[in-house]
Amino acid sequence: MAHIPVNHPLRPMYRLAGFVAGAYLVVFGIIGFGITAGESFTGHTGDRVLGQGSNLLWSIITVIVGALVILGAVVGRNVDVAADKYLGWGLLVLGSYSMATIRTDANFFGASMATVIVTYLVGLLLITISLYSKVAAPSKAGAPRQVREGRTA
């Protein structure tokens, strides 16, 4: 896709933002695991972790997703692009499921509306980061937009 930037100058900042998003998910999951350890694995427990509803299953999922995002950010070389893109879309799907089942018995993740909002925000952040983090060899990247358009700045 020609309109997605390659070798964006702010790529290190985007990788750092992905790392921070993954670290947040890991911290949320670890705290949630500690708070909900003695309770049911699924369903609404009423426990709040960093202002969000959670249970043991959701805590484990967020630790796994956060660890994969961090691993992708550390490895780089477009692994982070794929990880952020697919895990971001996965978080949007989980957030949509949580919102659809928030007041039913099918609320397996123990989600509250705050959990849905944060899940959407982190998912959208990861997708956006994946759009600007792609790297390629300079010979395959093509000229920057300013050079293609004949501008010098």
N, C-alpha and C. Protein backbone atom coordinates (compact mmCIF):
# COMPACT_ATOMS: atom_id res chain seq x y z
N MET A 1 0.84 -1.17 0.00
CA MET A 1 0.00 0.00 0.00
C MET A 1 0.89 1.23 0.00
N ALA A 2 0.76 2.02 -1.01
CA ALA A 2 1.64 3.16 -1.19
C ALA A 2 1.36 4.28 -0.21
N HIS A 3 0.17 4.36 0.36
CA HIS A 3 -0.15 5.47 1.23
C HIS A 3 0.25 5.23 2.68
N ILE A 4 0.71 4.06 3.04
CA ILE A 4 1.18 3.80 4.39
C ILE A 4 2.67 4.11 4.44
N PRO A 5 3.07 5.01 5.35
CA PRO A 5 4.48 5.43 5.37
C PRO A 5 5.43 4.30 5.75
N VAL A 6 6.59 4.33 5.14
CA VAL A 6 7.65 3.38 5.45
C VAL A 6 8.84 4.20 5.94
N ASN A 7 9.53 3.72 6.95
CA ASN A 7 10.67 4.41 7.56
C ASN A 7 10.26 5.79 8.07
N HIS A 8 9.14 5.85 8.76
CA HIS A 8 8.66 7.11 9.31
C HIS A 8 9.67 7.65 10.30
N PRO A 9 9.94 8.97 10.28
CA PRO A 9 10.95 9.52 11.18
C PRO A 9 10.62 9.35 12.66
N LEU A 10 9.36 9.23 13.01
CA LEU A 10 8.97 9.07 14.41
C LEU A 10 8.78 7.61 14.81
N ARG A 11 9.31 6.69 14.02
CA ARG A 11 9.15 5.26 14.30
C ARG A 11 9.61 4.87 15.70
N PRO A 12 10.75 5.40 16.20
CA PRO A 12 11.14 5.04 17.58
C PRO A 12 10.09 5.47 18.62
N MET A 13 9.44 6.60 18.38
CA MET A 13 8.41 7.04 19.32
C MET A 13 7.19 6.12 19.26
N TYR A 14 6.85 5.65 18.08
CA TYR A 14 5.72 4.73 17.95
C TYR A 14 6.04 3.39 18.61
N ARG A 15 7.27 2.93 18.45
CA ARG A 15 7.65 1.67 19.12
C ARG A 15 7.60 1.84 20.63
N LEU A 16 8.03 3.01 21.12
CA LEU A 16 7.96 3.28 22.56
C LEU A 16 6.51 3.32 23.03
N ALA A 17 5.63 3.94 22.25
CA ALA A 17 4.21 3.97 22.61
C ALA A 17 3.62 2.56 22.65
N GLY A 18 4.01 1.71 21.70
CA GLY A 18 3.57 0.33 21.73
C GLY A 18 4.08 -0.41 22.95
N PHE A 19 5.34 -0.15 23.30
CA PHE A 19 5.91 -0.77 24.49
C PHE A 19 5.15 -0.34 25.75
N VAL A 20 4.83 0.95 25.84
CA VAL A 20 4.10 1.46 27.00
C VAL A 20 2.69 0.86 27.07
N ALA A 21 2.02 0.74 25.91
CA ALA A 21 0.70 0.12 25.89
C ALA A 21 0.77 -1.33 26.35
N GLY A 22 1.78 -2.05 25.88
CA GLY A 22 1.96 -3.44 26.32
C GLY A 22 2.27 -3.53 27.80
N ALA A 23 3.10 -2.59 28.29
CA ALA A 23 3.44 -2.58 29.72
C ALA A 23 2.21 -2.30 30.57
N TYR A 24 1.34 -1.40 30.09
CA TYR A 24 0.10 -1.14 30.82
C TYR A 24 -0.74 -2.40 30.91
N LEU A 25 -0.88 -3.12 29.80
CA LEU A 25 -1.67 -4.35 29.82
C LEU A 25 -1.09 -5.39 30.77
N VAL A 26 0.24 -5.50 30.79
CA VAL A 26 0.88 -6.46 31.69
C VAL A 26 0.66 -6.06 33.15
N VAL A 27 0.84 -4.78 33.47
CA VAL A 27 0.65 -4.32 34.84
C VAL A 27 -0.81 -4.51 35.26
N PHE A 28 -1.75 -4.15 34.38
CA PHE A 28 -3.16 -4.36 34.68
C PHE A 28 -3.44 -5.84 34.94
N GLY A 29 -2.91 -6.71 34.10
CA GLY A 29 -3.15 -8.14 34.26
C GLY A 29 -2.55 -8.70 35.54
N ILE A 30 -1.35 -8.27 35.89
CA ILE A 30 -0.71 -8.77 37.11
C ILE A 30 -1.46 -8.31 38.35
N ILE A 31 -1.84 -7.03 38.38
CA ILE A 31 -2.61 -6.54 39.52
C ILE A 31 -3.96 -7.24 39.58
N GLY A 32 -4.61 -7.41 38.43
CA GLY A 32 -5.88 -8.11 38.39
C GLY A 32 -5.76 -9.56 38.81
N PHE A 33 -4.66 -10.19 38.42
CA PHE A 33 -4.43 -11.57 38.83
C PHE A 33 -4.31 -11.66 40.34
N GLY A 34 -3.62 -10.71 40.94
CA GLY A 34 -3.47 -10.71 42.40
C GLY A 34 -4.77 -10.45 43.13
N ILE A 35 -5.59 -9.55 42.60
CA ILE A 35 -6.84 -9.20 43.26
C ILE A 35 -7.89 -10.29 43.09
N THR A 36 -7.96 -10.92 41.93
CA THR A 36 -9.03 -11.89 41.64
C THR A 36 -8.58 -13.34 41.77
N ALA A 37 -7.43 -13.60 42.36
CA ALA A 37 -6.86 -14.96 42.39
C ALA A 37 -7.76 -15.96 43.11
N GLY A 38 -8.45 -15.59 44.15
CA GLY A 38 -9.24 -16.54 44.90
C GLY A 38 -10.68 -16.66 44.45
N GLU A 39 -11.05 -16.01 43.39
CA GLU A 39 -12.44 -15.99 42.97
C GLU A 39 -12.66 -16.81 41.71
N SER A 40 -13.86 -16.73 41.17
CA SER A 40 -14.19 -17.54 39.99
C SER A 40 -13.35 -17.12 38.79
N PHE A 41 -13.13 -18.08 37.90
CA PHE A 41 -12.29 -17.86 36.72
C PHE A 41 -12.97 -16.95 35.71
N THR A 42 -14.28 -17.11 35.53
CA THR A 42 -15.03 -16.30 34.59
C THR A 42 -16.21 -15.66 35.30
N GLY A 43 -16.86 -14.76 34.62
CA GLY A 43 -18.06 -14.12 35.15
C GLY A 43 -17.74 -12.83 35.88
N HIS A 44 -18.78 -12.12 36.23
CA HIS A 44 -18.64 -10.83 36.90
C HIS A 44 -18.37 -11.05 38.38
N THR A 45 -17.22 -10.59 38.85
CA THR A 45 -16.85 -10.77 40.25
C THR A 45 -17.08 -9.51 41.07
N GLY A 46 -17.23 -8.37 40.42
CA GLY A 46 -17.39 -7.11 41.13
C GLY A 46 -16.06 -6.47 41.51
N ASP A 47 -14.97 -7.14 41.21
CA ASP A 47 -13.65 -6.59 41.54
C ASP A 47 -13.27 -5.50 40.55
N ARG A 48 -12.63 -4.45 41.03
CA ARG A 48 -12.17 -3.35 40.19
C ARG A 48 -10.65 -3.33 40.24
N VAL A 49 -10.06 -3.26 39.06
CA VAL A 49 -8.61 -3.19 38.92
C VAL A 49 -8.30 -1.94 38.12
N LEU A 50 -7.61 -1.00 38.72
CA LEU A 50 -7.30 0.28 38.07
C LEU A 50 -8.56 0.93 37.50
N GLY A 51 -9.66 0.82 38.25
CA GLY A 51 -10.92 1.44 37.85
C GLY A 51 -11.73 0.63 36.86
N GLN A 52 -11.28 -0.54 36.48
CA GLN A 52 -11.96 -1.36 35.49
C GLN A 52 -12.42 -2.67 36.12
N GLY A 53 -13.49 -3.24 35.56
CA GLY A 53 -13.93 -4.55 35.99
C GLY A 53 -12.99 -5.62 35.44
N SER A 54 -12.81 -6.66 36.22
CA SER A 54 -11.90 -7.72 35.77
C SER A 54 -12.22 -9.01 36.51
N ASN A 55 -11.70 -10.09 35.97
CA ASN A 55 -11.70 -11.37 36.63
C ASN A 55 -10.41 -12.10 36.25
N LEU A 56 -10.27 -13.32 36.69
CA LEU A 56 -9.02 -14.05 36.46
C LEU A 56 -8.77 -14.29 34.97
N LEU A 57 -9.80 -14.62 34.20
CA LEU A 57 -9.63 -14.87 32.77
C LEU A 57 -9.16 -13.61 32.05
N TRP A 58 -9.79 -12.47 32.31
CA TRP A 58 -9.40 -11.23 31.65
C TRP A 58 -7.99 -10.81 32.05
N SER A 59 -7.62 -11.06 33.29
CA SER A 59 -6.26 -10.74 33.75
C SER A 59 -5.23 -11.56 32.99
N ILE A 60 -5.49 -12.82 32.80
CA ILE A 60 -4.56 -13.69 32.06
C ILE A 60 -4.47 -13.26 30.60
N ILE A 61 -5.60 -12.93 29.99
CA ILE A 61 -5.60 -12.49 28.60
C ILE A 61 -4.79 -11.21 28.43
N THR A 62 -4.98 -10.24 29.34
CA THR A 62 -4.24 -8.99 29.20
C THR A 62 -2.75 -9.17 29.43
N VAL A 63 -2.36 -10.06 30.31
CA VAL A 63 -0.93 -10.33 30.49
C VAL A 63 -0.34 -10.93 29.22
N ILE A 64 -1.03 -11.87 28.61
CA ILE A 64 -0.54 -12.50 27.38
C ILE A 64 -0.46 -11.50 26.24
N VAL A 65 -1.52 -10.72 26.03
CA VAL A 65 -1.52 -9.73 24.95
C VAL A 65 -0.44 -8.68 25.19
N GLY A 66 -0.33 -8.19 26.41
CA GLY A 66 0.69 -7.19 26.73
C GLY A 66 2.09 -7.73 26.54
N ALA A 67 2.33 -8.97 26.93
CA ALA A 67 3.66 -9.57 26.74
C ALA A 67 3.98 -9.72 25.26
N LEU A 68 3.01 -10.08 24.44
CA LEU A 68 3.25 -10.19 23.00
C LEU A 68 3.53 -8.83 22.37
N VAL A 69 2.84 -7.79 22.83
CA VAL A 69 3.09 -6.44 22.31
C VAL A 69 4.49 -5.99 22.70
N ILE A 70 4.88 -6.23 23.95
CA ILE A 70 6.23 -5.86 24.40
C ILE A 70 7.28 -6.64 23.62
N LEU A 71 7.06 -7.93 23.44
CA LEU A 71 8.00 -8.74 22.68
C LEU A 71 8.15 -8.22 21.25
N GLY A 72 7.05 -7.87 20.62
CA GLY A 72 7.11 -7.31 19.27
C GLY A 72 7.86 -5.99 19.24
N ALA A 73 7.64 -5.14 20.24
CA ALA A 73 8.33 -3.84 20.29
C ALA A 73 9.82 -4.02 20.51
N VAL A 74 10.21 -5.01 21.29
CA VAL A 74 11.63 -5.24 21.55
C VAL A 74 12.31 -5.83 20.32
N VAL A 75 11.65 -6.76 19.65
CA VAL A 75 12.25 -7.39 18.47
C VAL A 75 12.31 -6.42 17.31
N GLY A 76 11.23 -5.66 17.06
CA GLY A 76 11.21 -4.71 15.95
C GLY A 76 11.18 -5.43 14.61
N ARG A 77 11.87 -4.89 13.62
CA ARG A 77 11.98 -5.48 12.28
C ARG A 77 10.65 -5.92 11.71
N ASN A 78 9.65 -5.08 11.83
CA ASN A 78 8.29 -5.31 11.34
C ASN A 78 7.54 -6.41 12.08
N VAL A 79 8.16 -7.06 13.06
CA VAL A 79 7.43 -7.98 13.92
C VAL A 79 6.45 -7.17 14.77
N ASP A 80 6.89 -5.99 15.19
CA ASP A 80 6.02 -5.13 15.98
C ASP A 80 4.82 -4.64 15.16
N VAL A 81 5.02 -4.43 13.88
CA VAL A 81 3.92 -3.98 13.02
C VAL A 81 2.83 -5.05 12.98
N ALA A 82 3.22 -6.28 12.74
CA ALA A 82 2.25 -7.38 12.67
C ALA A 82 1.59 -7.63 14.04
N ALA A 83 2.40 -7.64 15.09
CA ALA A 83 1.86 -7.88 16.43
C ALA A 83 0.87 -6.79 16.82
N ASP A 84 1.25 -5.53 16.61
CA ASP A 84 0.36 -4.43 16.99
C ASP A 84 -0.92 -4.45 16.17
N LYS A 85 -0.80 -4.75 14.89
CA LYS A 85 -1.99 -4.75 14.02
C LYS A 85 -2.97 -5.84 14.45
N TYR A 86 -2.50 -7.08 14.55
CA TYR A 86 -3.41 -8.18 14.85
C TYR A 86 -3.90 -8.16 16.29
N LEU A 87 -3.03 -7.83 17.23
CA LEU A 87 -3.47 -7.77 18.62
C LEU A 87 -4.40 -6.58 18.85
N GLY A 88 -4.17 -5.48 18.14
CA GLY A 88 -5.08 -4.34 18.23
C GLY A 88 -6.47 -4.69 17.75
N TRP A 89 -6.55 -5.36 16.59
CA TRP A 89 -7.86 -5.79 16.09
C TRP A 89 -8.48 -6.82 17.03
N GLY A 90 -7.67 -7.68 17.60
CA GLY A 90 -8.18 -8.64 18.57
C GLY A 90 -8.77 -7.96 19.80
N LEU A 91 -8.11 -6.90 20.27
CA LEU A 91 -8.66 -6.16 21.42
C LEU A 91 -9.98 -5.49 21.06
N LEU A 92 -10.09 -5.00 19.83
CA LEU A 92 -11.37 -4.40 19.42
C LEU A 92 -12.48 -5.45 19.39
N VAL A 93 -12.17 -6.65 18.95
CA VAL A 93 -13.17 -7.72 18.94
C VAL A 93 -13.56 -8.09 20.37
N LEU A 94 -12.57 -8.23 21.25
CA LEU A 94 -12.87 -8.56 22.66
C LEU A 94 -13.66 -7.44 23.33
N GLY A 95 -13.31 -6.18 23.01
CA GLY A 95 -14.05 -5.06 23.57
C GLY A 95 -15.49 -5.03 23.09
N SER A 96 -15.70 -5.35 21.81
CA SER A 96 -17.06 -5.39 21.27
C SER A 96 -17.87 -6.51 21.92
N TYR A 97 -17.25 -7.67 22.09
CA TYR A 97 -17.93 -8.78 22.76
C TYR A 97 -18.28 -8.38 24.19
N SER A 98 -17.33 -7.75 24.89
CA SER A 98 -17.58 -7.35 26.27
C SER A 98 -18.71 -6.34 26.36
N MET A 99 -18.76 -5.40 25.42
CA MET A 99 -19.82 -4.40 25.45
C MET A 99 -21.18 -5.04 25.16
N ALA A 100 -21.21 -6.01 24.26
CA ALA A 100 -22.47 -6.66 23.91
C ALA A 100 -23.01 -7.52 25.05
N THR A 101 -22.14 -8.02 25.90
CA THR A 101 -22.55 -8.95 26.95
C THR A 101 -22.38 -8.37 28.34
N ILE A 102 -22.29 -7.07 28.46
CA ILE A 102 -21.89 -6.46 29.72
C ILE A 102 -22.85 -6.75 30.88
N ARG A 103 -24.13 -6.86 30.61
CA ARG A 103 -25.10 -7.10 31.69
C ARG A 103 -25.79 -8.45 31.54
N THR A 104 -25.07 -9.40 31.00
CA THR A 104 -25.66 -10.74 30.81
C THR A 104 -24.78 -11.77 31.50
N ASP A 105 -25.25 -13.00 31.48
CA ASP A 105 -24.45 -14.09 32.03
C ASP A 105 -23.30 -14.47 31.12
N ALA A 106 -23.29 -13.98 29.88
CA ALA A 106 -22.21 -14.27 28.94
C ALA A 106 -21.02 -13.34 29.11
N ASN A 107 -21.02 -12.53 30.14
CA ASN A 107 -19.91 -11.62 30.41
C ASN A 107 -18.77 -12.42 31.06
N PHE A 108 -18.09 -13.23 30.25
CA PHE A 108 -17.05 -14.11 30.76
C PHE A 108 -15.84 -13.35 31.28
N PHE A 109 -15.62 -12.13 30.80
CA PHE A 109 -14.43 -11.38 31.17
C PHE A 109 -14.64 -10.48 32.38
N GLY A 110 -15.85 -10.43 32.91
CA GLY A 110 -16.13 -9.58 34.06
C GLY A 110 -15.96 -8.11 33.74
N ALA A 111 -16.27 -7.73 32.52
CA ALA A 111 -16.00 -6.37 32.05
C ALA A 111 -17.04 -5.38 32.52
N SER A 112 -16.58 -4.16 32.72
CA SER A 112 -17.45 -3.02 32.94
C SER A 112 -17.32 -2.11 31.73
N MET A 113 -18.09 -1.03 31.69
CA MET A 113 -17.98 -0.11 30.56
C MET A 113 -16.60 0.54 30.54
N ALA A 114 -16.00 0.77 31.69
CA ALA A 114 -14.64 1.31 31.74
C ALA A 114 -13.65 0.34 31.10
N THR A 115 -13.85 -0.95 31.31
CA THR A 115 -12.98 -1.95 30.69
C THR A 115 -13.12 -1.91 29.17
N VAL A 116 -14.34 -1.76 28.68
CA VAL A 116 -14.58 -1.70 27.24
C VAL A 116 -13.89 -0.48 26.64
N ILE A 117 -14.04 0.67 27.29
CA ILE A 117 -13.44 1.90 26.78
C ILE A 117 -11.92 1.79 26.72
N VAL A 118 -11.31 1.30 27.77
CA VAL A 118 -9.85 1.16 27.79
C VAL A 118 -9.40 0.12 26.76
N THR A 119 -10.14 -0.95 26.61
CA THR A 119 -9.80 -1.97 25.61
C THR A 119 -9.85 -1.39 24.21
N TYR A 120 -10.89 -0.61 23.92
CA TYR A 120 -10.98 0.07 22.61
C TYR A 120 -9.82 1.03 22.41
N LEU A 121 -9.52 1.83 23.42
CA LEU A 121 -8.45 2.82 23.27
C LEU A 121 -7.09 2.16 23.02
N VAL A 122 -6.79 1.12 23.78
CA VAL A 122 -5.51 0.42 23.59
C VAL A 122 -5.49 -0.27 22.23
N GLY A 123 -6.60 -0.89 21.83
CA GLY A 123 -6.65 -1.53 20.52
C GLY A 123 -6.46 -0.54 19.38
N LEU A 124 -7.13 0.61 19.45
CA LEU A 124 -6.97 1.62 18.41
C LEU A 124 -5.57 2.21 18.40
N LEU A 125 -4.98 2.37 19.58
CA LEU A 125 -3.61 2.86 19.66
C LEU A 125 -2.65 1.88 18.98
N LEU A 126 -2.82 0.60 19.24
CA LEU A 126 -1.95 -0.41 18.63
C LEU A 126 -2.12 -0.45 17.11
N ILE A 127 -3.35 -0.32 16.63
CA ILE A 127 -3.57 -0.31 15.18
C ILE A 127 -2.90 0.91 14.55
N THR A 128 -3.05 2.06 15.18
CA THR A 128 -2.43 3.29 14.67
C THR A 128 -0.91 3.17 14.66
N ILE A 129 -0.36 2.61 15.71
CA ILE A 129 1.10 2.41 15.78
C ILE A 129 1.55 1.49 14.66
N SER A 130 0.77 0.47 14.37
CA SER A 130 1.17 -0.47 13.30
C SER A 130 1.19 0.20 11.94
N LEU A 131 0.39 1.24 11.76
CA LEU A 131 0.36 1.93 10.47
C LEU A 131 1.61 2.76 10.21
N TYR A 132 2.26 3.21 11.27
CA TYR A 132 3.40 4.12 11.12
C TYR A 132 4.73 3.50 11.49
N SER A 133 4.77 2.23 11.81
CA SER A 133 6.00 1.61 12.30
C SER A 133 6.74 0.77 11.28
N LYS A 134 6.23 0.66 10.07
CA LYS A 134 6.85 -0.22 9.08
C LYS A 134 8.22 0.31 8.67
N VAL A 135 9.16 -0.60 8.51
CA VAL A 135 10.50 -0.24 8.11
C VAL A 135 10.89 -1.09 6.90
N ALA A 136 11.69 -0.49 6.01
CA ALA A 136 12.17 -1.20 4.82
C ALA A 136 13.54 -0.64 4.47
N ALA A 137 14.25 -1.37 3.64
CA ALA A 137 15.54 -0.88 3.16
C ALA A 137 15.30 0.42 2.39
N PRO A 138 16.20 1.39 2.51
CA PRO A 138 16.00 2.67 1.81
C PRO A 138 15.79 2.51 0.31
N SER A 139 16.41 1.51 -0.29
CA SER A 139 16.23 1.33 -1.73
C SER A 139 14.82 0.87 -2.09
N LYS A 140 14.14 0.20 -1.16
CA LYS A 140 12.79 -0.29 -1.42
C LYS A 140 11.71 0.63 -0.85
N ALA A 141 12.11 1.59 -0.05
CA ALA A 141 11.13 2.44 0.62
C ALA A 141 10.56 3.50 -0.29
N GLY A 142 11.29 3.91 -1.30
CA GLY A 142 10.82 4.97 -2.17
C GLY A 142 11.16 6.33 -1.58
N ALA A 143 10.98 7.34 -2.35
CA ALA A 143 11.30 8.70 -1.92
C ALA A 143 10.23 9.21 -0.95
N PRO A 144 10.62 10.06 -0.01
CA PRO A 144 9.61 10.67 0.86
C PRO A 144 8.62 11.49 0.05
N ARG A 145 7.47 11.74 0.62
CA ARG A 145 6.42 12.45 -0.08
C ARG A 145 6.86 13.83 -0.55
N GLN A 146 7.64 14.55 0.25
CA GLN A 146 8.07 15.88 -0.11
C GLN A 146 8.92 15.84 -1.39
N VAL A 147 9.79 14.85 -1.52
CA VAL A 147 10.64 14.75 -2.71
C VAL A 147 9.78 14.37 -3.91
N ARG A 148 8.84 13.47 -3.74
CA ARG A 148 7.96 13.08 -4.85
C ARG A 148 7.15 14.25 -5.36
N GLU A 149 6.75 15.14 -4.45
CA GLU A 149 5.95 16.28 -4.84
C GLU A 149 6.79 17.48 -5.27
N GLY A 150 8.09 17.37 -5.25
CA GLY A 150 8.97 18.44 -5.69
C GLY A 150 9.21 19.54 -4.67
N ARG A 151 8.90 19.28 -3.41
CA ARG A 151 9.15 20.27 -2.36
C ARG A 151 10.47 19.96 -1.68
N THR A 152 11.11 20.93 -1.11
CA THR A 152 12.39 20.72 -0.45
C THR A 152 12.24 20.58 1.05
N ALA A 153 11.18 21.07 1.62
CA ALA A 153 11.00 21.00 3.06
C ALA A 153 10.11 19.86 3.35
